[in-house]
Amino acid sequence: MTDLQALHDTTHTMVMGVLNITEDSFSDGGLWLDPAKAAQHGRDMMAAGADIIDIGAESTRPGAKRVSEADELVRITGAVKTLIPAGAILSIDTTRASVAAAALSEGAQIINDVSGGTLDAELPHVVADHDCLYIVQHWRGWLAGSKGANPDQDTSVYEHGVLTDVHDELMRQVDGVLAAGVKPERIIIDPGLGFSKPGIEHNLPLLTGLETFRATGYPVLIGQSRKRFISAMLTGAGTAGADGPTMAQRDDVTAALSALSAEHGAWAVRVHDVAKSRAAVIAGNTWREYA
């Protein structure tokens, strides 16, 4: 049985591998829809050093179409049933209470709610009724072009600066989750890189200001992998080709940011290329020991 408190309180940054069981995720949509391929990819990431596997069955990229609740349930529970016997620690990337409840009943240990408790009001109550960890991400609603409420709203204006506004809004979300009965020792926070944060100027201040989030007392997850701002960094540096940065280039920058996040005390980094970020996180953790 997983020691959830030890997992929550770890002093070394962990690596969370992304398992997207989706048609249209921005970098690997469709690759792992087949249940056997999804299970094998999860095992491969564990072998490469992933401490946690984060399973998602619905893309949240701009323009993504919501999958049905039934499809999400089938995809998530199928993967959980396969990977729990393999010894995986599983995080479930969902905004639906029903999916969270089903995954937890099958043995998942973490719920990763990108809406931070705001999209499905019942989800925090499901978490409160189970012994699991809960990742609360900063959320301002669906991104422009998404198939949800207010699909074309501009959610990327930060009146008091991105670091201040994201911190304050995220803490209000945490207050709501606490009010629903979730214990503070089960909460992890995520500033939500890329969510309502399209540019370099929105995301790097959150990374350089990581200590602001750590000062809340909650562990901090960083999900920088392959995000648009990484491509913008590479393009701005003149290193991208005519077709834009390659996936390998994006994973190299992701790994560099993983090392920096580990050096500055992130709880975990959520990444697609586990092997690259595993090595980077080892370097960052070691640096922190000697700092």
C-alpha atoms as a PDB file:
ATOM      1  CA  MET A   1       0.000   0.000   0.000  1.00  0.00           C
ATOM      2  CA  THR A   2       1.264   3.467  -0.917  1.00  0.00           C
ATOM      3  CA  ASP A   3       2.296   5.680   1.981  1.00  0.00           C
ATOM      4  CA  LEU A   4       0.403   8.790   0.896  1.00  0.00           C
ATOM      5  CA  GLN A   5       1.865  11.036   3.553  1.00  0.00           C
ATOM      6  CA  ALA A   6       5.416  10.073   2.601  1.00  0.00           C
ATOM      7  CA  LEU A   7       4.502  10.673  -1.051  1.00  0.00           C
ATOM      8  CA  HIS A   8       3.053  14.083  -0.218  1.00  0.00           C
ATOM      9  CA  ASP A   9       5.966  15.103   2.006  1.00  0.00           C
ATOM     10  CA  THR A  10       8.868  13.867  -0.130  1.00  0.00           C
ATOM     11  CA  THR A  11      11.937  16.119  -0.040  1.00  0.00           C
ATOM     12  CA  HIS A  12      13.215  15.020  -3.443  1.00  0.00           C
ATOM     13  CA  THR A  13      11.541  16.102  -6.677  1.00  0.00           C
ATOM     14  CA  MET A  14       9.768  13.242  -8.448  1.00  0.00           C
ATOM     15  CA  VAL A  15       9.026  12.554 -12.110  1.00  0.00           C
ATOM     16  CA  MET A  16       5.414  12.176 -13.236  1.00  0.00           C
ATOM     17  CA  GLY A  17       5.077  10.525 -16.631  1.00  0.00           C
ATOM     18  CA  VAL A  18       2.212  11.590 -18.910  1.00  0.00           C
ATOM     19  CA  LEU A  19      -0.048   8.867 -20.314  1.00  0.00           C
ATOM     20  CA  ASN A  20      -2.538  10.518 -22.677  1.00  0.00           C
ATOM     21  CA  ILE A  21      -5.301   8.123 -23.742  1.00  0.00           C
ATOM     22  CA  THR A  22      -6.742  10.717 -26.098  1.00  0.00           C
ATOM     23  CA  GLU A  23      -7.358  11.358 -29.775  1.00  0.00           C
ATOM     24  CA  ASP A  24      -6.108  14.925 -29.850  1.00  0.00           C
ATOM     25  CA  SER A  25      -3.638  15.847 -27.138  1.00  0.00           C
ATOM     26  CA  PHE A  26      -1.269  18.404 -28.619  1.00  0.00           C
ATOM     27  CA  SER A  27       1.874  16.252 -28.814  1.00  0.00           C
ATOM     28  CA  ASP A  28       0.879  12.590 -28.634  1.00  0.00           C
ATOM     29  CA  GLY A  29      -2.830  12.378 -29.346  1.00  0.00           C
ATOM     30  CA  GLY A  30      -3.895   8.986 -30.669  1.00  0.00           C
ATOM     31  CA  LEU A  31      -0.647   7.172 -29.867  1.00  0.00           C
ATOM     32  CA  TRP A  32      -1.923   5.349 -26.785  1.00  0.00           C
ATOM     33  CA  LEU A  33      -5.648   4.897 -27.461  1.00  0.00           C
ATOM     34  CA  ASP A  34      -5.214   1.143 -27.829  1.00  0.00           C
ATOM     35  CA  PRO A  35      -5.459  -0.309 -24.284  1.00  0.00           C
ATOM     36  CA  ALA A  36      -2.511  -2.657 -24.766  1.00  0.00           C
ATOM     37  CA  LYS A  37      -0.308   0.174 -26.096  1.00  0.00           C
ATOM     38  CA  ALA A  38      -1.393   2.457 -23.245  1.00  0.00           C
ATOM     39  CA  ALA A  39      -0.508  -0.167 -20.652  1.00  0.00           C
ATOM     40  CA  GLN A  40       2.857  -0.848 -22.261  1.00  0.00           C
ATOM     41  CA  HIS A  41       3.688   2.850 -22.458  1.00  0.00           C
ATOM     42  CA  GLY A  42       2.884   3.179 -18.774  1.00  0.00           C
ATOM     43  CA  ARG A  43       5.199   0.273 -17.938  1.00  0.00           C
ATOM     44  CA  ASP A  44       7.901   1.712 -20.187  1.00  0.00           C
ATOM     45  CA  MET A  45       7.739   5.044 -18.343  1.00  0.00           C
ATOM     46  CA  MET A  46       8.009   3.234 -15.012  1.00  0.00           C
ATOM     47  CA  ALA A  47      11.081   1.403 -16.304  1.00  0.00           C
ATOM     48  CA  ALA A  48      12.542   4.749 -17.423  1.00  0.00           C
ATOM     49  CA  GLY A  49      12.222   6.111 -13.897  1.00  0.00           C
ATOM     50  CA  ALA A  50       8.747   7.600 -13.565  1.00  0.00           C
ATOM     51  CA  ASP A  51       7.697   7.778  -9.921  1.00  0.00           C
ATOM     52  CA  ILE A  52       4.068   8.478 -10.862  1.00  0.00           C
ATOM     53  CA  ILE A  53       2.016   7.844 -14.015  1.00  0.00           C
ATOM     54  CA  ASP A  54      -0.549  10.554 -14.784  1.00  0.00           C
ATOM     55  CA  ILE A  55      -3.407   9.112 -16.849  1.00  0.00           C
ATOM     56  CA  GLY A  56      -5.661  11.452 -18.808  1.00  0.00           C
ATOM     57  CA  ALA A  57      -8.435  10.568 -21.239  1.00  0.00           C
ATOM     58  CA  GLU A  58      -9.536  14.056 -22.263  1.00  0.00           C
ATOM     59  CA  SER A  59      -7.414  16.731 -23.916  1.00  0.00           C
ATOM     60  CA  THR A  60      -7.507  20.254 -22.480  1.00  0.00           C
ATOM     61  CA  ARG A  61      -5.642  21.951 -25.308  1.00  0.00           C
ATOM     62  CA  PRO A  62      -7.284  24.951 -27.049  1.00  0.00           C
ATOM     63  CA  GLY A  63      -9.904  23.712 -29.494  1.00  0.00           C
ATOM     64  CA  ALA A  64     -10.194  20.282 -27.912  1.00  0.00           C
ATOM     65  CA  LYS A  65     -13.595  18.608 -27.952  1.00  0.00           C
ATOM     66  CA  ARG A  66     -14.821  17.095 -24.694  1.00  0.00           C
ATOM     67  CA  VAL A  67     -15.070  13.321 -24.656  1.00  0.00           C
ATOM     68  CA  SER A  68     -18.153  11.686 -23.242  1.00  0.00           C
ATOM     69  CA  GLU A  69     -18.224  10.681 -19.596  1.00  0.00           C
ATOM     70  CA  ALA A  70     -18.717   7.054 -20.641  1.00  0.00           C
ATOM     71  CA  ASP A  71     -15.646   7.057 -22.898  1.00  0.00           C
ATOM     72  CA  GLU A  72     -13.510   8.708 -20.235  1.00  0.00           C
ATOM     73  CA  LEU A  73     -14.609   6.140 -17.651  1.00  0.00           C
ATOM     74  CA  VAL A  74     -13.763   3.201 -19.901  1.00  0.00           C
ATOM     75  CA  ARG A  75     -10.357   4.558 -20.869  1.00  0.00           C
ATOM     76  CA  ILE A  76      -9.315   5.532 -17.341  1.00  0.00           C
ATOM     77  CA  THR A  77     -10.511   2.456 -15.480  1.00  0.00           C
ATOM     78  CA  GLY A  78      -9.029   0.158 -18.124  1.00  0.00           C
ATOM     79  CA  ALA A  79      -5.587   1.704 -17.695  1.00  0.00           C
ATOM     80  CA  VAL A  80      -5.839   1.728 -13.904  1.00  0.00           C
ATOM     81  CA  LYS A  81      -6.776  -1.953 -13.761  1.00  0.00           C
ATOM     82  CA  THR A  82      -3.735  -2.790 -15.886  1.00  0.00           C
ATOM     83  CA  LEU A  83      -1.126  -0.616 -14.175  1.00  0.00           C
ATOM     84  CA  ILE A  84      -2.008  -1.005 -10.493  1.00  0.00           C
ATOM     85  CA  PRO A  85      -0.947  -4.701 -10.530  1.00  0.00           C
ATOM     86  CA  ALA A  86       2.359  -3.549 -12.083  1.00  0.00           C
ATOM     87  CA  GLY A  87       3.025  -1.515  -8.930  1.00  0.00           C
ATOM     88  CA  ALA A  88       2.299   1.904 -10.410  1.00  0.00           C
ATOM     89  CA  ILE A  89       1.472   5.003  -8.412  1.00  0.00           C
ATOM     90  CA  LEU A  90      -1.300   6.528 -10.488  1.00  0.00           C
ATOM     91  CA  SER A  91      -2.510  10.094 -10.834  1.00  0.00           C
ATOM     92  CA  ILE A  92      -5.813  10.543 -12.654  1.00  0.00           C
ATOM     93  CA  ASP A  93      -6.085  13.678 -14.792  1.00  0.00           C
ATOM     94  CA  THR A  94      -9.828  14.347 -14.743  1.00  0.00           C
ATOM     95  CA  THR A  95     -12.342  17.072 -13.960  1.00  0.00           C
ATOM     96  CA  ARG A  96     -15.275  14.671 -13.472  1.00  0.00           C
ATOM     97  CA  ALA A  97     -16.294  13.393 -10.043  1.00  0.00           C
ATOM     98  CA  SER A  98     -17.630  10.138 -11.463  1.00  0.00           C
ATOM     99  CA  VAL A  99     -14.331   9.331 -13.168  1.00  0.00           C
ATOM    100  CA  ALA A 100     -12.355  10.199 -10.049  1.00  0.00           C
ATOM    101  CA  ALA A 101     -14.559   7.973  -7.887  1.00  0.00           C
ATOM    102  CA  ALA A 102     -14.263   5.028 -10.282  1.00  0.00           C
ATOM    103  CA  ALA A 103     -10.472   5.346 -10.577  1.00  0.00           C
ATOM    104  CA  LEU A 104     -10.007   5.635  -6.821  1.00  0.00           C
ATOM    105  CA  SER A 105     -12.142   2.540  -6.271  1.00  0.00           C
ATOM    106  CA  GLU A 106      -9.799   0.661  -8.616  1.00  0.00           C
ATOM    107  CA  GLY A 107      -6.718   1.710  -6.627  1.00  0.00           C
ATOM    108  CA  ALA A 108      -5.546   5.059  -8.038  1.00  0.00           C
ATOM    109  CA  GLN A 109      -3.825   7.188  -5.407  1.00  0.00           C
ATOM    110  CA  ILE A 110      -3.931  10.765  -6.767  1.00  0.00           C
ATOM    111  CA  ILE A 111      -6.520  12.955  -8.486  1.00  0.00           C
ATOM    112  CA  ASN A 112      -5.089  15.660 -10.746  1.00  0.00           C
ATOM    113  CA  ASP A 113      -7.876  18.196 -11.327  1.00  0.00           C
ATOM    114  CA  VAL A 114      -6.805  20.840 -13.845  1.00  0.00           C
ATOM    115  CA  SER A 115      -9.874  22.889 -12.935  1.00  0.00           C
ATOM    116  CA  GLY A 116      -8.759  23.012  -9.297  1.00  0.00           C
ATOM    117  CA  GLY A 117     -12.154  22.016  -7.950  1.00  0.00           C
ATOM    118  CA  THR A 118     -14.155  24.524  -9.989  1.00  0.00           C
ATOM    119  CA  LEU A 119     -15.534  22.583 -12.961  1.00  0.00           C
ATOM    120  CA  ASP A 120     -17.321  19.777 -11.096  1.00  0.00           C
ATOM    121  CA  ALA A 121     -18.321  20.863  -7.604  1.00  0.00           C
ATOM    122  CA  GLU A 122     -18.685  17.239  -6.514  1.00  0.00           C
ATOM    123  CA  LEU A 123     -15.097  16.281  -7.298  1.00  0.00           C
ATOM    124  CA  PRO A 124     -13.546  17.751  -4.113  1.00  0.00           C
ATOM    125  CA  HIS A 125     -16.206  15.930  -2.094  1.00  0.00           C
ATOM    126  CA  VAL A 126     -15.234  12.647  -3.778  1.00  0.00           C
ATOM    127  CA  VAL A 127     -11.622  13.313  -2.848  1.00  0.00           C
ATOM    128  CA  ALA A 128     -12.620  14.156   0.724  1.00  0.00           C
ATOM    129  CA  ASP A 129     -14.381  10.777   0.978  1.00  0.00           C
ATOM    130  CA  HIS A 130     -11.274   8.828  -0.141  1.00  0.00           C
ATOM    131  CA  ASP A 131      -7.744   8.561   1.167  1.00  0.00           C
ATOM    132  CA  CYS A 132      -5.862  10.037  -1.764  1.00  0.00           C
ATOM    133  CA  LEU A 133      -3.820  13.064  -2.782  1.00  0.00           C
ATOM    134  CA  TYR A 134      -5.442  15.948  -4.667  1.00  0.00           C
ATOM    135  CA  ILE A 135      -3.613  18.185  -7.132  1.00  0.00           C
ATOM    136  CA  VAL A 136      -5.335  21.576  -7.322  1.00  0.00           C
ATOM    137  CA  GLN A 137      -4.348  23.469 -10.465  1.00  0.00           C
ATOM    138  CA  HIS A 138      -4.822  27.157 -11.207  1.00  0.00           C
ATOM    139  CA  TRP A 139      -7.770  27.465 -13.578  1.00  0.00           C
ATOM    140  CA  ARG A 140      -9.584  30.364 -15.180  1.00  0.00           C
ATOM    141  CA  GLY A 141     -11.950  28.371 -17.353  1.00  0.00           C
ATOM    142  CA  TRP A 142     -11.788  26.854 -20.787  1.00  0.00           C
ATOM    143  CA  LEU A 143      -9.105  28.180 -23.093  1.00  0.00           C
ATOM    144  CA  ALA A 144     -10.071  30.186 -26.148  1.00  0.00           C
ATOM    145  CA  GLY A 145     -11.497  27.882 -28.802  1.00  0.00           C
ATOM    146  CA  SER A 146     -12.283  25.043 -26.386  1.00  0.00           C
ATOM    147  CA  LYS A 147     -15.674  23.359 -26.437  1.00  0.00           C
ATOM    148  CA  GLY A 148     -16.918  24.470 -23.064  1.00  0.00           C
ATOM    149  CA  ALA A 149     -18.505  27.366 -21.248  1.00  0.00           C
ATOM    150  CA  ASN A 150     -17.490  30.775 -22.648  1.00  0.00           C
ATOM    151  CA  PRO A 151     -15.312  29.171 -25.324  1.00  0.00           C
ATOM    152  CA  ASP A 152     -13.896  32.404 -26.737  1.00  0.00           C
ATOM    153  CA  GLN A 153     -13.157  34.336 -23.568  1.00  0.00           C
ATOM    154  CA  ASP A 154      -9.718  35.879 -23.131  1.00  0.00           C
ATOM    155  CA  THR A 155      -8.413  34.417 -19.882  1.00  0.00           C
ATOM    156  CA  SER A 156      -4.792  35.539 -20.185  1.00  0.00           C
ATOM    157  CA  VAL A 157      -4.971  39.079 -18.714  1.00  0.00           C
ATOM    158  CA  TYR A 158      -3.285  39.386 -15.285  1.00  0.00           C
ATOM    159  CA  GLU A 159      -4.122  42.760 -13.779  1.00  0.00           C
ATOM    160  CA  HIS A 160      -1.644  42.582 -10.879  1.00  0.00           C
ATOM    161  CA  GLY A 161       1.014  40.547 -12.655  1.00  0.00           C
ATOM    162  CA  VAL A 162       0.876  36.870 -13.461  1.00  0.00           C
ATOM    163  CA  LEU A 163       2.710  35.673 -10.329  1.00  0.00           C
ATOM    164  CA  THR A 164       0.522  37.633  -7.911  1.00  0.00           C
ATOM    165  CA  ASP A 165      -2.766  36.853  -9.636  1.00  0.00           C
ATOM    166  CA  VAL A 166      -2.071  33.154 -10.121  1.00  0.00           C
ATOM    167  CA  HIS A 167      -0.963  32.777  -6.505  1.00  0.00           C
ATOM    168  CA  ASP A 168      -4.017  34.578  -5.131  1.00  0.00           C
ATOM    169  CA  GLU A 169      -6.513  32.840  -7.398  1.00  0.00           C
ATOM    170  CA  LEU A 170      -4.989  29.432  -6.714  1.00  0.00           C
ATOM    171  CA  MET A 171      -5.185  29.987  -2.969  1.00  0.00           C
ATOM    172  CA  ARG A 172      -8.876  30.856  -3.319  1.00  0.00           C
ATOM    173  CA  GLN A 173      -9.345  27.566  -5.156  1.00  0.00           C
ATOM    174  CA  VAL A 174      -7.553  25.763  -2.326  1.00  0.00           C
ATOM    175  CA  ASP A 175      -9.891  27.467   0.159  1.00  0.00           C
ATOM    176  CA  GLY A 176     -12.845  26.039  -1.753  1.00  0.00           C
ATOM    177  CA  VAL A 177     -11.344  22.561  -1.727  1.00  0.00           C
ATOM    178  CA  LEU A 178     -10.683  22.780   2.017  1.00  0.00           C
ATOM    179  CA  ALA A 179     -14.284  23.882   2.561  1.00  0.00           C
ATOM    180  CA  ALA A 180     -15.403  20.720   0.770  1.00  0.00           C
ATOM    181  CA  GLY A 181     -13.592  18.650   3.376  1.00  0.00           C
ATOM    182  CA  VAL A 182     -10.270  17.830   1.716  1.00  0.00           C
ATOM    183  CA  LYS A 183      -7.501  17.661   4.313  1.00  0.00           C
ATOM    184  CA  PRO A 184      -4.629  20.144   3.822  1.00  0.00           C
ATOM    185  CA  GLU A 185      -2.062  17.350   4.180  1.00  0.00           C
ATOM    186  CA  ARG A 186      -3.514  15.748   1.047  1.00  0.00           C
ATOM    187  CA  ILE A 187      -3.285  18.847  -1.197  1.00  0.00           C
ATOM    188  CA  ILE A 188      -0.656  19.580  -3.851  1.00  0.00           C
ATOM    189  CA  ILE A 189      -0.827  22.791  -5.887  1.00  0.00           C
ATOM    190  CA  ASP A 190      -0.004  23.460  -9.540  1.00  0.00           C
ATOM    191  CA  PRO A 191       0.334  26.977 -11.048  1.00  0.00           C
ATOM    192  CA  GLY A 192      -1.001  25.616 -14.342  1.00  0.00           C
ATOM    193  CA  LEU A 193       1.690  26.492 -16.853  1.00  0.00           C
ATOM    194  CA  GLY A 194       0.140  27.025 -20.271  1.00  0.00           C
ATOM    195  CA  PHE A 195      -3.425  27.243 -18.962  1.00  0.00           C
ATOM    196  CA  SER A 196      -4.601  30.778 -19.762  1.00  0.00           C
ATOM    197  CA  LYS A 197      -0.879  31.487 -20.058  1.00  0.00           C
ATOM    198  CA  PRO A 198       0.085  31.374 -23.744  1.00  0.00           C
ATOM    199  CA  GLY A 199       3.385  33.254 -23.752  1.00  0.00           C
ATOM    200  CA  ILE A 200       6.870  33.170 -22.293  1.00  0.00           C
ATOM    201  CA  GLU A 201       5.945  36.251 -20.265  1.00  0.00           C
ATOM    202  CA  HIS A 202       3.126  34.323 -18.569  1.00  0.00           C
ATOM    203  CA  ASN A 203       5.052  31.169 -17.710  1.00  0.00           C
ATOM    204  CA  LEU A 204       8.650  31.998 -16.838  1.00  0.00           C
ATOM    205  CA  PRO A 205       7.628  34.316 -13.973  1.00  0.00           C
ATOM    206  CA  LEU A 206       5.798  31.358 -12.419  1.00  0.00           C
ATOM    207  CA  LEU A 207       8.893  29.173 -12.701  1.00  0.00           C
ATOM    208  CA  THR A 208      11.284  31.820 -11.402  1.00  0.00           C
ATOM    209  CA  GLY A 209       8.752  32.553  -8.652  1.00  0.00           C
ATOM    210  CA  LEU A 210       8.428  28.919  -7.579  1.00  0.00           C
ATOM    211  CA  GLU A 211       9.343  29.844  -4.005  1.00  0.00           C
ATOM    212  CA  THR A 212       6.197  31.996  -3.815  1.00  0.00           C
ATOM    213  CA  PHE A 213       4.105  28.860  -4.267  1.00  0.00           C
ATOM    214  CA  ARG A 214       6.290  26.726  -2.001  1.00  0.00           C
ATOM    215  CA  ALA A 215       5.876  29.348   0.737  1.00  0.00           C
ATOM    216  CA  THR A 216       2.189  28.377   0.961  1.00  0.00           C
ATOM    217  CA  GLY A 217       3.302  25.150   2.635  1.00  0.00           C
ATOM    218  CA  TYR A 218       1.812  22.976  -0.097  1.00  0.00           C
ATOM    219  CA  PRO A 219       3.960  20.814  -2.399  1.00  0.00           C
ATOM    220  CA  VAL A 220       4.142  22.225  -5.940  1.00  0.00           C
ATOM    221  CA  LEU A 221       3.725  20.282  -9.191  1.00  0.00           C
ATOM    222  CA  ILE A 222       5.259  21.801 -12.338  1.00  0.00           C
ATOM    223  CA  GLY A 223       3.791  20.784 -15.694  1.00  0.00           C
ATOM    224  CA  GLN A 224       5.991  22.432 -18.308  1.00  0.00           C
ATOM    225  CA  SER A 225       6.411  19.587 -20.772  1.00  0.00           C
ATOM    226  CA  ARG A 226       6.282  20.540 -24.459  1.00  0.00           C
ATOM    227  CA  LYS A 227       4.169  23.630 -23.779  1.00  0.00           C
ATOM    228  CA  ARG A 228       3.786  26.423 -26.326  1.00  0.00           C
ATOM    229  CA  PHE A 229       6.057  28.778 -24.418  1.00  0.00           C
ATOM    230  CA  ILE A 230       8.906  26.276 -24.821  1.00  0.00           C
ATOM    231  CA  SER A 231       8.440  26.354 -28.584  1.00  0.00           C
ATOM    232  CA  ALA A 232       8.406  30.151 -28.411  1.00  0.00           C
ATOM    233  CA  MET A 233      11.688  30.142 -26.491  1.00  0.00           C
ATOM    234  CA  LEU A 234      13.332  27.966 -29.135  1.00  0.00           C
ATOM    235  CA  THR A 235      11.913  29.996 -32.013  1.00  0.00           C
ATOM    236  CA  GLY A 236      13.028  33.243 -30.402  1.00  0.00           C
ATOM    237  CA  ALA A 237      16.539  31.874 -30.009  1.00  0.00           C
ATOM    238  CA  GLY A 238      16.662  31.058 -33.722  1.00  0.00           C
ATOM    239  CA  THR A 239      17.139  27.333 -33.160  1.00  0.00           C
ATOM    240  CA  ALA A 240      13.857  26.138 -34.679  1.00  0.00           C
ATOM    241  CA  GLY A 241      13.661  24.937 -38.247  1.00  0.00           C
ATOM    242  CA  ALA A 242      11.159  25.967 -40.902  1.00  0.00           C
ATOM    243  CA  ASP A 243       8.581  23.632 -39.389  1.00  0.00           C
ATOM    244  CA  GLY A 244       9.185  24.885 -35.865  1.00  0.00           C
ATOM    245  CA  PRO A 245      11.033  23.218 -32.998  1.00  0.00           C
ATOM    246  CA  THR A 246      11.354  19.452 -33.116  1.00  0.00           C
ATOM    247  CA  MET A 247       9.901  17.298 -30.373  1.00  0.00           C
ATOM    248  CA  ALA A 248      13.428  16.407 -29.296  1.00  0.00           C
ATOM    249  CA  GLN A 249      14.282  20.096 -28.888  1.00  0.00           C
ATOM    250  CA  ARG A 250      11.138  20.683 -26.832  1.00  0.00           C
ATOM    251  CA  ASP A 251      11.990  17.706 -24.631  1.00  0.00           C
ATOM    252  CA  ASP A 252      15.539  19.022 -24.146  1.00  0.00           C
ATOM    253  CA  VAL A 253      14.206  22.360 -22.864  1.00  0.00           C
ATOM    254  CA  THR A 254      11.611  20.515 -20.776  1.00  0.00           C
ATOM    255  CA  ALA A 255      14.433  18.556 -19.140  1.00  0.00           C
ATOM    256  CA  ALA A 256      16.418  21.734 -18.457  1.00  0.00           C
ATOM    257  CA  LEU A 257      13.389  23.243 -16.753  1.00  0.00           C
ATOM    258  CA  SER A 258      12.921  19.976 -14.841  1.00  0.00           C
ATOM    259  CA  ALA A 259      16.445  20.325 -13.447  1.00  0.00           C
ATOM    260  CA  LEU A 260      15.791  23.928 -12.402  1.00  0.00           C
ATOM    261  CA  SER A 261      12.440  22.978 -10.862  1.00  0.00           C
ATOM    262  CA  ALA A 262      14.098  20.209  -8.855  1.00  0.00           C
ATOM    263  CA  GLU A 263      16.881  22.544  -7.746  1.00  0.00           C
ATOM    264  CA  HIS A 264      14.247  24.953  -6.418  1.00  0.00           C
ATOM    265  CA  GLY A 265      12.180  22.335  -4.615  1.00  0.00           C
ATOM    266  CA  ALA A 266       9.290  21.317  -6.862  1.00  0.00           C
ATOM    267  CA  TRP A 267       7.345  18.301  -5.585  1.00  0.00           C
ATOM    268  CA  ALA A 268       7.303  16.739  -9.061  1.00  0.00           C
ATOM    269  CA  VAL A 269       7.605  17.577 -12.735  1.00  0.00           C
ATOM    270  CA  ARG A 270       4.984  16.289 -15.175  1.00  0.00           C
ATOM    271  CA  VAL A 271       6.704  15.253 -18.429  1.00  0.00           C
ATOM    272  CA  HIS A 272       6.306  13.236 -21.615  1.00  0.00           C
ATOM    273  CA  ASP A 273       9.953  12.148 -22.033  1.00  0.00           C
ATOM    274  CA  VAL A 274      10.619  10.479 -18.695  1.00  0.00           C
ATOM    275  CA  ALA A 275      14.200   9.383 -19.359  1.00  0.00           C
ATOM    276  CA  LYS A 276      15.460  12.905 -20.150  1.00  0.00           C
ATOM    277  CA  SER A 277      13.744  14.508 -17.186  1.00  0.00           C
ATOM    278  CA  ARG A 278      14.703  11.662 -14.830  1.00  0.00           C
ATOM    279  CA  ALA A 279      18.376  12.455 -15.420  1.00  0.00           C
ATOM    280  CA  ALA A 280      17.703  16.195 -15.146  1.00  0.00           C
ATOM    281  CA  VAL A 281      15.801  15.792 -11.879  1.00  0.00           C
ATOM    282  CA  ILE A 282      18.601  13.689 -10.394  1.00  0.00           C
ATOM    283  CA  ALA A 283      20.988  16.549 -11.195  1.00  0.00           C
ATOM    284  CA  GLY A 284      18.621  19.130  -9.699  1.00  0.00           C
ATOM    285  CA  ASN A 285      18.030  17.094  -6.555  1.00  0.00           C
ATOM    286  CA  THR A 286      21.754  16.590  -6.086  1.00  0.00           C
ATOM    287  CA  TRP A 287      22.445  20.298  -6.638  1.00  0.00           C
ATOM    288  CA  ARG A 288      19.906  21.142  -3.944  1.00  0.00           C
ATOM    289  CA  GLU A 289      21.655  18.822  -1.475  1.00  0.00           C
ATOM    290  CA  TYR A 290      24.895  20.763  -1.875  1.00  0.00           C
ATOM    291  CA  ALA A 291      23.458  24.254  -2.178  1.00  0.00           C
END
